[in-house]
Protein backbone atom coordinates (compact mmCIF):
# COMPACT_ATOMS: atom_id res chain seq x y z
CA MET A 1 0.06 0.03 -0.09
CA THR A 2 1.29 3.49 -0.93
CA SER A 3 0.26 6.52 1.01
CA ILE A 4 -0.06 9.67 -1.04
CA TYR A 5 0.32 13.10 0.40
CA VAL A 6 -2.27 15.53 -1.09
CA GLY A 7 -1.58 19.20 -0.36
CA ASN A 8 -2.92 22.71 -1.25
CA LEU A 9 -6.50 21.27 -0.91
CA PRO A 10 -9.40 23.89 -0.97
CA PHE A 11 -10.90 23.78 2.66
CA SER A 12 -14.49 23.00 1.08
CA VAL A 13 -13.31 19.67 -0.42
CA SER A 14 -14.86 16.39 0.95
CA GLU A 15 -13.38 12.93 1.47
CA ASP A 16 -15.87 11.75 -1.15
CA GLU A 17 -14.76 14.17 -3.84
CA LEU A 18 -11.16 13.37 -3.14
CA ARG A 19 -11.91 9.67 -3.38
CA THR A 20 -13.61 10.29 -6.82
CA LEU A 21 -10.72 12.12 -8.29
CA PHE A 22 -8.21 9.50 -7.39
CA GLU A 23 -10.65 6.75 -8.43
CA GLU A 24 -10.16 7.63 -12.04
CA HIS A 25 -6.43 6.44 -11.71
CA GLY A 26 -7.23 3.29 -9.68
CA SER A 27 -8.62 1.57 -6.65
CA VAL A 28 -8.42 3.84 -3.67
CA HIS A 29 -8.14 2.11 -0.22
CA SER A 30 -8.71 4.92 2.01
CA VAL A 31 -8.90 8.51 2.10
CA LYS A 32 -8.12 10.92 5.39
CA LEU A 33 -8.59 14.61 5.39
CA ILE A 34 -6.50 16.35 8.31
CA ASN A 35 -8.29 18.78 10.44
CA ASP A 36 -6.88 21.26 13.16
CA ARG A 37 -7.06 19.67 16.66
CA GLU A 38 -8.16 22.86 18.26
CA THR A 39 -10.68 24.21 15.82
CA GLY A 40 -11.89 21.18 13.85
CA ARG A 41 -11.36 23.15 10.63
CA PRO A 42 -9.87 21.47 7.61
CA ARG A 43 -5.97 22.05 7.39
CA GLY A 44 -5.89 21.90 3.62
CA PHE A 45 -4.11 18.53 3.04
CA GLY A 46 -4.97 14.97 3.47
CA PHE A 47 -3.62 11.31 2.51
CA VAL A 48 -5.04 8.72 -0.03
CA GLU A 49 -3.81 5.16 0.02
CA MET A 50 -3.74 3.13 -3.15
CA ASP A 51 -1.67 0.06 -4.42
CA PRO A 52 1.78 1.18 -5.54
CA SER A 53 1.52 0.81 -9.42
CA GLU A 54 -1.80 2.86 -9.35
CA ALA A 55 -0.40 5.33 -6.85
CA ALA A 56 2.61 6.11 -9.10
CA VAL A 57 0.22 6.75 -12.09
CA ALA A 58 -2.09 8.96 -9.86
CA ILE A 59 0.67 10.91 -8.52
CA GLN A 60 2.01 11.71 -11.96
CA ARG A 61 -1.16 12.51 -13.41
CA LEU A 62 -2.82 14.64 -10.62
CA ASN A 63 0.15 16.84 -9.33
CA GLY A 64 -0.65 20.33 -10.39
CA VAL A 65 -4.26 19.69 -11.36
CA ASP A 66 -6.67 22.46 -10.49
CA LEU A 67 -9.19 21.72 -7.87
CA GLY A 68 -11.30 24.49 -6.83
CA GLY A 69 -9.10 27.02 -7.88
CA ARG A 70 -6.12 25.60 -6.19
CA ALA A 71 -3.31 23.52 -8.00
CA LEU A 72 -2.84 20.28 -6.01
CA ARG A 73 0.47 19.32 -4.57
CA ILE A 74 0.63 15.47 -4.59
CA ASN A 75 3.58 13.17 -4.04
CA GLU A 76 4.24 9.93 -2.08
CA ALA A 77 4.03 10.69 1.79
CA GLN A 78 7.13 10.58 3.74
CA GLU A 79 7.23 8.98 7.45
CA ARG A 80 7.03 11.66 10.02
CA GLU A 81 10.28 12.12 11.71
CA ALA A 82 10.29 11.22 15.54
CA ARG A 83 9.52 14.28 17.66
CA PRO A 84 11.13 14.83 20.98
CA PRO A 85 8.69 14.40 23.69
CA ARG A 86 6.68 17.33 24.82
CA ARG A 87 7.40 19.25 27.86
CA PRO A 88 4.45 19.50 30.39
CA ARG A 89 2.82 22.81 30.65
């Protein structure tokens, strides 16, 4: 399974709309839009999981595509670097 980072999303986009866009290029296993923890508002990015060969095609074809007036930034998601533990408040 390949996780695809999808950035510069319009705040109005839904998971269903994003799934439909990516399904044109293969089978989508999951879609996750990221919201702000404090406000619950969209942060303008998300992740889509697809099979590796289909993901490569989707990344190539959808990077830079206009969605809701914004050019999407799409690439293979990178693992987050480990963060040091947070200090207590």
